[in-house]
Amino acid sequence: MRFKKINKNKDLKRKFLSEFPRNRAILEISKRAGDNFERCINCAQGTLAALQKEFNLGGRREVIKAATFLPGIASRKETCGAVVGALMALGLAYGRDNRRDIKLETSKEVREMLQLRGKAWKFCEDFKKEIGSTMCGDIRPKIMGPDYVNYNGMDPKWRERFLEDGGAKKCRLPVETAARIIASIMLDEPMRKSL
């Protein structure tokens, strides 16, 4: 009986995807992000690279390089690298490219800035709703098990254990989730010139 249900769900998913190309694109981006993560074991780079490729975002190599230390913010169990990588992609697509004072010239610019920040806020809230937190130190133990409360990304033994325990597969979840949510946001509104 259980297998019938699984096959029925697969058939429904296949039908859903064939009827909605947008959903297929989102899932492909999400899968690409997960695949990237498995290759580099860097959630920020994996997420960002998939979004950069799909949306033709600028600064490809330099921006990916800049994301090197972002998983857990330098392995400190702080903001999940998938969240940071997704927000970097959002910034590349919609962010400001000038360094002038935040006191924007017109009320239109202020509204646009707040609207863009609203996209980032929505992403973080949606990610938190699905994963439970935006913090690596909260996410990793949920995915990898309670022993990972004490995980130290700076210790080579912990990194080796992470890989042995299937971390490359298990930590696809936040990466794929971040890429899926941001891709959905970015597909809903075309990119425009920076503020």
Protein backbone atom coordinates (compact mmCIF):
# COMPACT_ATOMS: atom_id res chain seq x y z
CA MET A 1 0.00 0.00 0.00
CA ARG A 2 2.81 2.40 0.89
CA PHE A 3 4.45 1.99 -2.54
CA LYS A 4 1.19 2.80 -4.31
CA LYS A 5 1.01 6.08 -2.45
CA ILE A 6 4.61 6.95 -3.35
CA ASN A 7 4.01 6.16 -7.04
CA LYS A 8 0.79 8.18 -6.99
CA ASN A 9 2.68 11.13 -5.47
CA LYS A 10 5.39 10.83 -8.15
CA ASP A 11 2.70 10.83 -10.86
CA LEU A 12 1.08 13.92 -9.35
CA LYS A 13 4.45 15.66 -9.12
CA ARG A 14 5.26 14.80 -12.75
CA LYS A 15 1.86 16.16 -13.86
CA PHE A 16 2.29 19.30 -11.73
CA LEU A 17 5.73 19.99 -13.19
CA SER A 18 4.69 19.36 -16.78
CA GLU A 19 1.81 21.79 -16.44
CA PHE A 20 3.87 24.51 -14.81
CA PRO A 21 7.26 25.27 -16.42
CA ARG A 22 7.99 27.87 -13.71
CA ASN A 23 7.83 25.17 -11.04
CA ARG A 24 10.11 22.93 -13.08
CA ALA A 25 12.66 25.75 -13.37
CA ILE A 26 12.54 26.40 -9.63
CA LEU A 27 13.10 22.73 -8.83
CA GLU A 28 15.99 22.53 -11.32
CA ILE A 29 17.65 25.55 -9.71
CA SER A 30 17.12 23.99 -6.29
CA LYS A 31 18.64 20.68 -7.41
CA ARG A 32 21.60 22.47 -9.04
CA ALA A 33 22.26 24.27 -5.74
CA GLY A 34 22.23 20.94 -3.88
CA ASP A 35 24.56 19.37 -6.45
CA ASN A 36 26.92 22.36 -6.17
CA PHE A 37 26.93 21.98 -2.39
CA GLU A 38 27.81 18.29 -2.60
CA ARG A 39 30.79 19.13 -4.80
CA CYS A 40 32.21 22.01 -2.76
CA ILE A 41 30.72 21.45 0.76
CA ASN A 42 30.07 25.18 0.99
CA CYS A 43 26.40 26.10 1.36
CA ALA A 44 26.90 29.78 0.49
CA GLN A 45 28.83 29.03 -2.69
CA GLY A 46 26.52 26.19 -3.75
CA THR A 47 23.41 28.31 -3.41
CA LEU A 48 24.90 31.42 -4.96
CA ALA A 49 26.48 29.61 -7.93
CA ALA A 50 23.17 27.99 -8.93
CA LEU A 51 21.32 31.31 -8.77
CA GLN A 52 24.11 33.18 -10.58
CA LYS A 53 24.05 30.69 -13.43
CA GLU A 54 20.28 30.68 -13.82
CA PHE A 55 19.77 34.43 -13.59
CA ASN A 56 23.02 35.56 -15.28
CA LEU A 57 24.09 37.59 -12.28
CA GLY A 58 27.37 39.49 -12.59
CA GLY A 59 30.77 39.02 -11.00
CA ARG A 60 30.60 35.24 -11.18
CA ARG A 61 34.08 34.12 -10.05
CA GLU A 62 34.77 37.05 -7.74
CA VAL A 63 31.43 36.82 -5.99
CA ILE A 64 31.66 33.05 -5.54
CA LYS A 65 35.15 33.54 -4.13
CA ALA A 66 33.80 36.17 -1.71
CA ALA A 67 31.37 33.57 -0.32
CA THR A 68 34.21 31.24 0.76
CA PHE A 69 33.95 31.94 4.51
CA LEU A 70 30.20 32.38 4.79
CA PRO A 71 28.94 28.96 5.90
CA GLY A 72 27.79 29.58 9.45
CA ILE A 73 29.71 32.88 9.15
CA ALA A 74 33.25 31.53 9.33
CA SER A 75 32.04 28.24 10.87
CA ARG A 76 30.81 30.08 13.99
CA LYS A 77 27.30 28.50 13.88
CA GLU A 78 25.84 31.86 12.94
CA THR A 79 23.72 32.61 9.84
CA CYS A 80 23.42 29.61 7.53
CA GLY A 81 25.57 30.02 4.42
CA ALA A 82 22.64 29.02 2.21
CA VAL A 83 20.75 32.05 3.56
CA VAL A 84 23.73 34.33 2.97
CA GLY A 85 24.35 32.96 -0.54
CA ALA A 86 20.69 33.45 -1.47
CA LEU A 87 20.70 37.00 -0.10
CA MET A 88 23.88 37.73 -2.07
CA ALA A 89 22.09 36.60 -5.25
CA LEU A 90 19.11 38.80 -4.38
CA GLY A 91 21.49 41.71 -3.87
CA LEU A 92 23.18 41.08 -7.21
CA ALA A 93 19.79 41.06 -8.91
CA TYR A 94 18.13 44.02 -7.19
CA GLY A 95 20.61 45.74 -4.86
CA ARG A 96 22.19 49.17 -4.86
CA ASP A 97 25.43 49.61 -6.73
CA ASN A 98 26.38 52.95 -5.28
CA ARG A 99 27.84 53.89 -1.95
CA ARG A 100 26.12 57.16 -1.30
CA ASP A 101 24.41 58.02 1.92
CA ILE A 102 21.41 55.87 2.71
CA LYS A 103 19.35 59.07 2.84
CA LEU A 104 17.92 58.55 -0.59
CA GLU A 105 17.08 61.51 -2.78
CA THR A 106 13.39 60.86 -3.41
CA SER A 107 10.49 59.17 -1.72
CA LYS A 108 10.36 56.83 -4.74
CA GLU A 109 13.92 55.65 -3.98
CA VAL A 110 13.02 55.13 -0.33
CA ARG A 111 9.95 53.06 -1.31
CA GLU A 112 12.06 50.98 -3.74
CA MET A 113 14.73 50.37 -1.10
CA LEU A 114 12.11 49.24 1.43
CA GLN A 115 10.44 47.04 -1.18
CA LEU A 116 13.78 45.36 -1.90
CA ARG A 117 14.45 44.85 1.79
CA GLY A 118 10.97 43.37 2.00
CA LYS A 119 12.03 40.67 -0.48
CA ALA A 120 14.98 39.78 1.74
CA TRP A 121 12.75 39.79 4.83
CA LYS A 122 10.18 37.54 3.13
CA PHE A 123 12.91 35.13 2.05
CA CYS A 124 14.29 34.87 5.60
CA GLU A 125 10.84 34.36 7.10
CA ASP A 126 9.91 31.70 4.51
CA PHE A 127 13.23 29.91 5.04
CA LYS A 128 12.76 30.01 8.82
CA LYS A 129 9.21 28.68 8.48
CA GLU A 130 10.41 25.69 6.45
CA ILE A 131 13.77 24.91 8.12
CA GLY A 132 13.06 26.19 11.64
CA SER A 133 15.85 28.76 11.87
CA THR A 134 18.28 30.81 9.79
CA MET A 135 21.14 29.90 12.15
CA CYS A 136 23.58 27.14 11.21
CA GLY A 137 24.01 26.21 14.87
CA ASP A 138 20.28 25.42 15.08
CA ILE A 139 19.94 23.81 11.65
CA ARG A 140 22.89 21.42 11.65
CA PRO A 141 21.86 19.44 14.80
CA LYS A 142 18.32 19.07 13.39
CA ILE A 143 19.71 17.64 10.16
CA MET A 144 22.73 15.71 11.46
CA GLY A 145 21.57 14.73 14.95
CA PRO A 146 21.98 16.01 18.53
CA ASP A 147 25.75 15.33 18.65
CA TYR A 148 26.16 18.19 16.20
CA VAL A 149 25.23 20.76 18.83
CA ASN A 150 28.96 20.71 19.62
CA TYR A 151 30.06 20.70 15.98
CA ASN A 152 33.22 22.71 15.35
CA GLY A 153 33.74 23.45 11.68
CA MET A 154 37.32 24.53 12.40
CA ASP A 155 38.28 21.08 13.69
CA PRO A 156 39.36 18.71 10.88
CA LYS A 157 38.06 15.71 12.87
CA TRP A 158 34.56 17.19 12.98
CA ARG A 159 34.68 17.94 9.24
CA GLU A 160 35.74 14.36 8.53
CA ARG A 161 32.92 13.08 10.75
CA PHE A 162 30.44 15.39 9.02
CA LEU A 163 31.36 13.84 5.68
CA GLU A 164 31.33 10.28 7.08
CA ASP A 165 27.88 10.89 8.59
CA GLY A 166 26.50 11.87 5.17
CA GLY A 167 26.59 15.62 5.70
CA ALA A 168 27.13 16.28 2.00
CA LYS A 169 23.73 14.71 1.29
CA LYS A 170 21.89 15.76 4.44
CA CYS A 171 22.85 19.44 4.28
CA ARG A 172 21.42 19.71 0.77
CA LEU A 173 18.10 20.51 2.46
CA PRO A 174 18.82 24.11 3.55
CA VAL A 175 20.75 24.80 0.32
CA GLU A 176 17.95 23.54 -1.91
CA THR A 177 15.33 25.30 0.20
CA ALA A 178 17.14 28.65 0.04
CA ALA A 179 17.66 28.39 -3.73
CA ARG A 180 14.02 27.40 -4.29
CA ILE A 181 12.59 30.26 -2.23
CA ILE A 182 14.86 32.93 -3.75
CA ALA A 183 14.34 31.61 -7.30
CA SER A 184 10.59 31.89 -6.75
CA ILE A 185 10.94 35.48 -5.54
CA MET A 186 13.23 36.40 -8.44
CA LEU A 187 10.98 34.79 -11.06
CA ASP A 188 7.99 36.72 -9.74
CA GLU A 189 9.59 40.08 -10.51
CA PRO A 190 12.05 40.82 -13.28
CA MET A 191 15.45 42.24 -12.36
CA ARG A 192 15.90 45.95 -12.78
CA LYS A 193 18.61 48.55 -12.58
CA SER A 194 20.16 49.03 -9.17
CA LEU A 195 19.28 51.94 -6.94
